[in-house]
Amino acid sequence: MIAYSNDSLLNPTRIIRLPEVRVMTGLSRSGIYARINQNSPGFDPAFPQPVNLGVRSVGWVASEVEDWINAQIANSRRAPRG
């Protein structure tokens, strides 16, 4: 039997797949994979790493993607306009 707290029932951790990450971030598939690949010039250490769901299946934690988006917004608002 799995025990859940009231908090986890109200705010469950949600795993989302690539199409939803693309919609949420506005990035292409290759843009997302570039951000998670340490050998890529587009690597972004702040971008959420995927979670292995199976042999050939990954997903992302929705709240981590949302946090990354909010950080991007905050950074762009702080950036000096030139």
PDB file of N, CA and C in Angstrom:
ATOM      1  N   MET A   1       0.838  -1.174   0.000  1.00  0.00           N
ATOM      2  CA  MET A   1       0.000   0.000   0.000  1.00  0.00           C
ATOM      3  C   MET A   1       0.887   1.242   0.000  1.00  0.00           C
ATOM      4  N   ILE A   2       0.520   2.234  -0.793  1.00  0.00           N
ATOM      5  CA  ILE A   2       1.260   3.488  -0.863  1.00  0.00           C
ATOM      6  C   ILE A   2       0.536   4.523  -0.024  1.00  0.00           C
ATOM      7  N   ALA A   3       1.282   5.200   0.825  1.00  0.00           N
ATOM      8  CA  ALA A   3       0.684   6.251   1.659  1.00  0.00           C
ATOM      9  C   ALA A   3       0.972   7.595   1.020  1.00  0.00           C
ATOM     10  N   TYR A   4      -0.045   8.415   0.907  1.00  0.00           N
ATOM     11  CA  TYR A   4       0.091   9.756   0.352  1.00  0.00           C
ATOM     12  C   TYR A   4      -0.269  10.768   1.416  1.00  0.00           C
ATOM     13  N   SER A   5       0.467  11.856   1.438  1.00  0.00           N
ATOM     14  CA  SER A   5       0.093  12.951   2.333  1.00  0.00           C
ATOM     15  C   SER A   5      -0.957  13.795   1.629  1.00  0.00           C
ATOM     16  N   ASN A   6      -1.675  14.591   2.375  1.00  0.00           N
ATOM     17  CA  ASN A   6      -2.662  15.486   1.771  1.00  0.00           C
ATOM     18  C   ASN A   6      -2.010  16.430   0.776  1.00  0.00           C
ATOM     19  N   ASP A   7      -0.772  16.863   1.078  1.00  0.00           N
ATOM     20  CA  ASP A   7      -0.055  17.752   0.168  1.00  0.00           C
ATOM     21  C   ASP A   7       0.179  17.110  -1.188  1.00  0.00           C
ATOM     22  N   SER A   8       0.586  15.841  -1.200  1.00  0.00           N
ATOM     23  CA  SER A   8       0.885  15.180  -2.464  1.00  0.00           C
ATOM     24  C   SER A   8      -0.371  14.959  -3.294  1.00  0.00           C
ATOM     25  N   LEU A   9      -1.516  14.857  -2.654  1.00  0.00           N
ATOM     26  CA  LEU A   9      -2.763  14.714  -3.403  1.00  0.00           C
ATOM     27  C   LEU A   9      -3.180  16.033  -4.024  1.00  0.00           C
ATOM     28  N   LEU A  10      -2.870  17.128  -3.359  1.00  0.00           N
ATOM     29  CA  LEU A  10      -3.220  18.445  -3.886  1.00  0.00           C
ATOM     30  C   LEU A  10      -2.225  18.910  -4.946  1.00  0.00           C
ATOM     31  N   ASN A  11      -0.957  18.567  -4.783  1.00  0.00           N
ATOM     32  CA  ASN A  11       0.097  18.988  -5.697  1.00  0.00           C
ATOM     33  C   ASN A  11       0.952  17.800  -6.107  1.00  0.00           C
ATOM     34  N   PRO A  12       0.407  16.883  -6.875  1.00  0.00           N
ATOM     35  CA  PRO A  12       1.200  15.712  -7.252  1.00  0.00           C
ATOM     36  C   PRO A  12       2.320  16.090  -8.213  1.00  0.00           C
ATOM     37  N   THR A  13       3.412  15.359  -8.130  1.00  0.00           N
ATOM     38  CA  THR A  13       4.495  15.547  -9.085  1.00  0.00           C
ATOM     39  C   THR A  13       4.017  15.002 -10.418  1.00  0.00           C
ATOM     40  N   ARG A  14       4.116  15.842 -11.425  1.00  0.00           N
ATOM     41  CA  ARG A  14       3.619  15.455 -12.740  1.00  0.00           C
ATOM     42  C   ARG A  14       4.789  15.313 -13.692  1.00  0.00           C
ATOM     43  N   ILE A  15       4.852  14.218 -14.393  1.00  0.00           N
ATOM     44  CA  ILE A  15       5.868  13.998 -15.421  1.00  0.00           C
ATOM     45  C   ILE A  15       5.231  14.339 -16.759  1.00  0.00           C
ATOM     46  N   ILE A  16       5.934  15.165 -17.527  1.00  0.00           N
ATOM     47  CA  ILE A  16       5.427  15.545 -18.844  1.00  0.00           C
ATOM     48  C   ILE A  16       6.380  15.055 -19.912  1.00  0.00           C
ATOM     49  N   ARG A  17       5.846  14.823 -21.078  1.00  0.00           N
ATOM     50  CA  ARG A  17       6.641  14.309 -22.192  1.00  0.00           C
ATOM     51  C   ARG A  17       7.090  15.460 -23.080  1.00  0.00           C
ATOM     52  N   LEU A  18       7.950  15.161 -24.027  1.00  0.00           N
ATOM     53  CA  LEU A  18       8.576  16.157 -24.884  1.00  0.00           C
ATOM     54  C   LEU A  18       7.589  17.109 -25.564  1.00  0.00           C
ATOM     55  N   PRO A  19       6.485  16.632 -26.138  1.00  0.00           N
ATOM     56  CA  PRO A  19       5.586  17.600 -26.791  1.00  0.00           C
ATOM     57  C   PRO A  19       5.087  18.698 -25.846  1.00  0.00           C
ATOM     58  N   GLU A  20       4.824  18.343 -24.602  1.00  0.00           N
ATOM     59  CA  GLU A  20       4.367  19.364 -23.656  1.00  0.00           C
ATOM     60  C   GLU A  20       5.503  20.295 -23.248  1.00  0.00           C
ATOM     61  N   VAL A  21       6.720  19.761 -23.117  1.00  0.00           N
ATOM     62  CA  VAL A  21       7.879  20.609 -22.811  1.00  0.00           C
ATOM     63  C   VAL A  21       8.077  21.602 -23.953  1.00  0.00           C
ATOM     64  N   ARG A  22       7.914  21.138 -25.182  1.00  0.00           N
ATOM     65  CA  ARG A  22       8.048  22.026 -26.345  1.00  0.00           C
ATOM     66  C   ARG A  22       7.023  23.157 -26.296  1.00  0.00           C
ATOM     67  N   VAL A  23       5.780  22.821 -25.982  1.00  0.00           N
ATOM     68  CA  VAL A  23       4.725  23.838 -25.911  1.00  0.00           C
ATOM     69  C   VAL A  23       5.016  24.823 -24.777  1.00  0.00           C
ATOM     70  N   MET A  24       5.384  24.302 -23.621  1.00  0.00           N
ATOM     71  CA  MET A  24       5.617  25.164 -22.460  1.00  0.00           C
ATOM     72  C   MET A  24       6.784  26.120 -22.679  1.00  0.00           C
ATOM     73  N   THR A  25       7.871  25.636 -23.294  1.00  0.00           N
ATOM     74  CA  THR A  25       9.083  26.445 -23.425  1.00  0.00           C
ATOM     75  C   THR A  25       9.168  27.213 -24.736  1.00  0.00           C
ATOM     76  N   GLY A  26       8.461  26.755 -25.737  1.00  0.00           N
ATOM     77  CA  GLY A  26       8.584  27.369 -27.058  1.00  0.00           C
ATOM     78  C   GLY A  26       9.838  26.923 -27.786  1.00  0.00           C
ATOM     79  N   LEU A  27      10.513  25.900 -27.269  1.00  0.00           N
ATOM     80  CA  LEU A  27      11.750  25.399 -27.876  1.00  0.00           C
ATOM     81  C   LEU A  27      11.450  24.222 -28.794  1.00  0.00           C
ATOM     82  N   SER A  28      12.329  24.025 -29.752  1.00  0.00           N
ATOM     83  CA  SER A  28      12.221  22.858 -30.624  1.00  0.00           C
ATOM     84  C   SER A  28      12.782  21.640 -29.911  1.00  0.00           C
ATOM     85  N   ARG A  29      12.553  20.470 -30.495  1.00  0.00           N
ATOM     86  CA  ARG A  29      13.108  19.230 -29.944  1.00  0.00           C
ATOM     87  C   ARG A  29      14.622  19.326 -29.840  1.00  0.00           C
ATOM     88  N   SER A  30      15.259  19.775 -30.925  1.00  0.00           N
ATOM     89  CA  SER A  30      16.718  19.867 -30.917  1.00  0.00           C
ATOM     90  C   SER A  30      17.203  20.931 -29.934  1.00  0.00           C
ATOM     91  N   GLY A  31      16.442  22.000 -29.751  1.00  0.00           N
ATOM     92  CA  GLY A  31      16.805  23.033 -28.781  1.00  0.00           C
ATOM     93  C   GLY A  31      16.770  22.508 -27.358  1.00  0.00           C
ATOM     94  N   ILE A  32      15.788  21.681 -27.070  1.00  0.00           N
ATOM     95  CA  ILE A  32      15.685  21.081 -25.735  1.00  0.00           C
ATOM     96  C   ILE A  32      16.842  20.127 -25.495  1.00  0.00           C
ATOM     97  N   TYR A  33      17.098  19.250 -26.462  1.00  0.00           N
ATOM     98  CA  TYR A  33      18.177  18.285 -26.284  1.00  0.00           C
ATOM     99  C   TYR A  33      19.546  18.954 -26.271  1.00  0.00           C
ATOM    100  N   ALA A  34      19.705  20.075 -26.959  1.00  0.00           N
ATOM    101  CA  ALA A  34      20.970  20.820 -26.893  1.00  0.00           C
ATOM    102  C   ALA A  34      21.195  21.366 -25.492  1.00  0.00           C
ATOM    103  N   ARG A  35      20.132  21.816 -24.850  1.00  0.00           N
ATOM    104  CA  ARG A  35      20.254  22.383 -23.506  1.00  0.00           C
ATOM    105  C   ARG A  35      20.600  21.339 -22.446  1.00  0.00           C
ATOM    106  N   ILE A  36      20.285  20.064 -22.696  1.00  0.00           N
ATOM    107  CA  ILE A  36      20.603  19.035 -21.698  1.00  0.00           C
ATOM    108  C   ILE A  36      21.880  18.255 -22.023  1.00  0.00           C
ATOM    109  N   ASN A  37      22.464  18.526 -23.182  1.00  0.00           N
ATOM    110  CA  ASN A  37      23.682  17.818 -23.603  1.00  0.00           C
ATOM    111  C   ASN A  37      24.913  18.634 -23.205  1.00  0.00           C
ATOM    112  N   GLN A  38      25.687  18.124 -22.269  1.00  0.00           N
ATOM    113  CA  GLN A  38      26.865  18.842 -21.776  1.00  0.00           C
ATOM    114  C   GLN A  38      27.902  19.107 -22.860  1.00  0.00           C
ATOM    115  N   ASN A  39      27.885  18.351 -23.943  1.00  0.00           N
ATOM    116  CA  ASN A  39      28.850  18.537 -25.026  1.00  0.00           C
ATOM    117  C   ASN A  39      28.357  19.506 -26.097  1.00  0.00           C
ATOM    118  N   SER A  40      27.182  20.046 -25.925  1.00  0.00           N
ATOM    119  CA  SER A  40      26.592  20.950 -26.906  1.00  0.00           C
ATOM    120  C   SER A  40      26.928  22.402 -26.574  1.00  0.00           C
ATOM    121  N   PRO A  41      27.156  23.219 -27.601  1.00  0.00           N
ATOM    122  CA  PRO A  41      27.364  24.651 -27.334  1.00  0.00           C
ATOM    123  C   PRO A  41      26.114  25.315 -26.744  1.00  0.00           C
ATOM    124  N   GLY A  42      24.965  24.695 -26.920  1.00  0.00           N
ATOM    125  CA  GLY A  42      23.725  25.231 -26.379  1.00  0.00           C
ATOM    126  C   GLY A  42      23.396  24.721 -24.985  1.00  0.00           C
ATOM    127  N   PHE A  43      24.340  24.015 -24.353  1.00  0.00           N
ATOM    128  CA  PHE A  43      24.102  23.437 -23.035  1.00  0.00           C
ATOM    129  C   PHE A  43      23.706  24.511 -22.028  1.00  0.00           C
ATOM    130  N   ASP A  44      22.672  24.239 -21.264  1.00  0.00           N
ATOM    131  CA  ASP A  44      22.203  25.135 -20.212  1.00  0.00           C
ATOM    132  C   ASP A  44      22.106  24.307 -18.926  1.00  0.00           C
ATOM    133  N   PRO A  45      23.059  24.479 -18.012  1.00  0.00           N
ATOM    134  CA  PRO A  45      23.038  23.668 -16.792  1.00  0.00           C
ATOM    135  C   PRO A  45      21.802  23.894 -15.938  1.00  0.00           C
ATOM    136  N   ALA A  46      21.098  24.987 -16.156  1.00  0.00           N
ATOM    137  CA  ALA A  46      19.892  25.274 -15.378  1.00  0.00           C
ATOM    138  C   ALA A  46      18.660  24.571 -15.950  1.00  0.00           C
ATOM    139  N   PHE A  47      18.763  24.086 -17.199  1.00  0.00           N
ATOM    140  CA  PHE A  47      17.601  23.437 -17.807  1.00  0.00           C
ATOM    141  C   PHE A  47      17.381  22.083 -17.133  1.00  0.00           C
ATOM    142  N   PRO A  48      16.138  21.751 -16.813  1.00  0.00           N
ATOM    143  CA  PRO A  48      15.870  20.486 -16.108  1.00  0.00           C
ATOM    144  C   PRO A  48      16.303  19.255 -16.908  1.00  0.00           C
ATOM    145  N   GLN A  49      16.901  18.330 -16.212  1.00  0.00           N
ATOM    146  CA  GLN A  49      17.296  17.070 -16.837  1.00  0.00           C
ATOM    147  C   GLN A  49      16.080  16.138 -16.911  1.00  0.00           C
ATOM    148  N   PRO A  50      16.007  15.336 -17.961  1.00  0.00           N
ATOM    149  CA  PRO A  50      14.881  14.401 -18.062  1.00  0.00           C
ATOM    150  C   PRO A  50      15.002  13.262 -17.060  1.00  0.00           C
ATOM    151  N   VAL A  51      13.873  12.626 -16.820  1.00  0.00           N
ATOM    152  CA  VAL A  51      13.779  11.472 -15.936  1.00  0.00           C
ATOM    153  C   VAL A  51      13.564  10.249 -16.813  1.00  0.00           C
ATOM    154  N   ASN A  52      14.360   9.205 -16.611  1.00  0.00           N
ATOM    155  CA  ASN A  52      14.174   7.978 -17.381  1.00  0.00           C
ATOM    156  C   ASN A  52      12.879   7.294 -16.954  1.00  0.00           C
ATOM    157  N   LEU A  53      12.044   6.985 -17.934  1.00  0.00           N
ATOM    158  CA  LEU A  53      10.774   6.313 -17.664  1.00  0.00           C
ATOM    159  C   LEU A  53      10.783   4.873 -18.155  1.00  0.00           C
ATOM    160  N   GLY A  54      11.734   4.561 -18.980  1.00  0.00           N
ATOM    161  CA  GLY A  54      11.837   3.224 -19.542  1.00  0.00           C
ATOM    162  C   GLY A  54      13.079   3.148 -20.391  1.00  0.00           C
ATOM    163  N   VAL A  55      13.214   2.079 -21.141  1.00  0.00           N
ATOM    164  CA  VAL A  55      14.410   1.871 -21.954  1.00  0.00           C
ATOM    165  C   VAL A  55      14.606   2.994 -22.962  1.00  0.00           C
ATOM    166  N   ARG A  56      13.538   3.403 -23.622  1.00  0.00           N
ATOM    167  CA  ARG A  56      13.629   4.452 -24.643  1.00  0.00           C
ATOM    168  C   ARG A  56      12.618   5.566 -24.392  1.00  0.00           C
ATOM    169  N   SER A  57      12.418   5.888 -23.134  1.00  0.00           N
ATOM    170  CA  SER A  57      11.375   6.845 -22.791  1.00  0.00           C
ATOM    171  C   SER A  57      11.840   7.767 -21.668  1.00  0.00           C
ATOM    172  N   VAL A  58      11.676   9.068 -21.890  1.00  0.00           N
ATOM    173  CA  VAL A  58      12.011  10.038 -20.853  1.00  0.00           C
ATOM    174  C   VAL A  58      10.863  11.023 -20.694  1.00  0.00           C
ATOM    175  N   GLY A  59      10.865  11.695 -19.578  1.00  0.00           N
ATOM    176  CA  GLY A  59       9.913  12.762 -19.309  1.00  0.00           C
ATOM    177  C   GLY A  59      10.598  13.798 -18.442  1.00  0.00           C
ATOM    178  N   TRP A  60       9.926  14.899 -18.206  1.00  0.00           N
ATOM    179  CA  TRP A  60      10.455  15.965 -17.375  1.00  0.00           C
ATOM    180  C   TRP A  60       9.491  16.230 -16.238  1.00  0.00           C
ATOM    181  N   VAL A  61      10.017  16.661 -15.105  1.00  0.00           N
ATOM    182  CA  VAL A  61       9.172  17.045 -13.983  1.00  0.00           C
ATOM    183  C   VAL A  61       8.589  18.418 -14.321  1.00  0.00           C
ATOM    184  N   ALA A  62       7.269  18.500 -14.374  1.00  0.00           N
ATOM    185  CA  ALA A  62       6.590  19.721 -14.819  1.00  0.00           C
ATOM    186  C   ALA A  62       6.988  20.932 -13.984  1.00  0.00           C
ATOM    187  N   SER A  63       7.072  20.772 -12.667  1.00  0.00           N
ATOM    188  CA  SER A  63       7.411  21.913 -11.812  1.00  0.00           C
ATOM    189  C   SER A  63       8.833  22.422 -12.074  1.00  0.00           C
ATOM    190  N   GLU A  64       9.757  21.531 -12.452  1.00  0.00           N
ATOM    191  CA  GLU A  64      11.120  21.957 -12.773  1.00  0.00           C
ATOM    192  C   GLU A  64      11.145  22.760 -14.066  1.00  0.00           C
ATOM    193  N   VAL A  65      10.343  22.350 -15.039  1.00  0.00           N
ATOM    194  CA  VAL A  65      10.252  23.097 -16.299  1.00  0.00           C
ATOM    195  C   VAL A  65       9.639  24.473 -16.025  1.00  0.00           C
ATOM    196  N   GLU A  66       8.600  24.513 -15.210  1.00  0.00           N
ATOM    197  CA  GLU A  66       7.968  25.790 -14.859  1.00  0.00           C
ATOM    198  C   GLU A  66       8.955  26.697 -14.126  1.00  0.00           C
ATOM    199  N   ASP A  67       9.753  26.138 -13.226  1.00  0.00           N
ATOM    200  CA  ASP A  67      10.760  26.932 -12.513  1.00  0.00           C
ATOM    201  C   ASP A  67      11.785  27.510 -13.484  1.00  0.00           C
ATOM    202  N   TRP A  68      12.206  26.715 -14.469  1.00  0.00           N
ATOM    203  CA  TRP A  68      13.165  27.192 -15.465  1.00  0.00           C
ATOM    204  C   TRP A  68      12.563  28.344 -16.278  1.00  0.00           C
ATOM    205  N   ILE A  69      11.307  28.194 -16.677  1.00  0.00           N
ATOM    206  CA  ILE A  69      10.626  29.253 -17.434  1.00  0.00           C
ATOM    207  C   ILE A  69      10.564  30.527 -16.594  1.00  0.00           C
ATOM    208  N   ASN A  70      10.184  30.410 -15.326  1.00  0.00           N
ATOM    209  CA  ASN A  70      10.100  31.583 -14.453  1.00  0.00           C
ATOM    210  C   ASN A  70      11.464  32.246 -14.271  1.00  0.00           C
ATOM    211  N   ALA A  71      12.528  31.454 -14.199  1.00  0.00           N
ATOM    212  CA  ALA A  71      13.879  32.008 -14.098  1.00  0.00           C
ATOM    213  C   ALA A  71      14.256  32.749 -15.375  1.00  0.00           C
ATOM    214  N   GLN A  72      13.858  32.206 -16.540  1.00  0.00           N
ATOM    215  CA  GLN A  72      14.135  32.875 -17.813  1.00  0.00           C
ATOM    216  C   GLN A  72      13.423  34.226 -17.855  1.00  0.00           C
ATOM    217  N   ILE A  73      12.191  34.255 -17.402  1.00  0.00           N
ATOM    218  CA  ILE A  73      11.425  35.507 -17.373  1.00  0.00           C
ATOM    219  C   ILE A  73      12.110  36.511 -16.446  1.00  0.00           C
ATOM    220  N   ALA A  74      12.465  36.069 -15.246  1.00  0.00           N
ATOM    221  CA  ALA A  74      13.116  36.957 -14.282  1.00  0.00           C
ATOM    222  C   ALA A  74      14.432  37.487 -14.833  1.00  0.00           C
ATOM    223  N   ASN A  75      15.229  36.621 -15.458  1.00  0.00           N
ATOM    224  CA  ASN A  75      16.510  37.054 -16.026  1.00  0.00           C
ATOM    225  C   ASN A  75      16.319  38.067 -17.144  1.00  0.00           C
ATOM    226  N   SER A  76      15.301  37.865 -17.951  1.00  0.00           N
ATOM    227  CA  SER A  76      15.084  38.799 -19.067  1.00  0.00           C
ATOM    228  C   SER A  76      14.592  40.150 -18.567  1.00  0.00           C
ATOM    229  N   ARG A  77      13.901  40.173 -17.450  1.00  0.00           N
ATOM    230  CA  ARG A  77      13.408  41.435 -16.891  1.00  0.00           C
ATOM    231  C   ARG A  77      14.533  42.212 -16.213  1.00  0.00           C
ATOM    232  N   ARG A  78      15.562  41.476 -15.741  1.00  0.00           N
ATOM    233  CA  ARG A  78      16.700  42.127 -15.094  1.00  0.00           C
ATOM    234  C   ARG A  78      17.750  42.597 -16.090  1.00  0.00           C
ATOM    235  N   ALA A  79      17.742  42.014 -17.273  1.00  0.00           N
ATOM    236  CA  ALA A  79      18.775  42.313 -18.263  1.00  0.00           C
ATOM    237  C   ALA A  79      18.675  43.759 -18.728  1.00  0.00           C
ATOM    238  N   PRO A  80      19.822  44.437 -18.818  1.00  0.00           N
ATOM    239  CA  PRO A  80      19.793  45.829 -19.301  1.00  0.00           C
ATOM    240  C   PRO A  80      19.398  45.870 -20.773  1.00  0.00           C
ATOM    241  N   ARG A  81      18.602  46.815 -21.084  1.00  0.00           N
ATOM    242  CA  ARG A  81      18.172  47.005 -22.487  1.00  0.00           C
ATOM    243  C   ARG A  81      19.250  47.809 -23.192  1.00  0.00           C
ATOM    244  N   GLY A  82      19.644  47.349 -24.371  1.00  0.00           N
ATOM    245  CA  GLY A  82      20.753  48.037 -25.046  1.00  0.00           C
ATOM    246  C   GLY A  82      20.380  48.492 -26.331  1.00  0.00           C
TER     247      GLY A  82
END
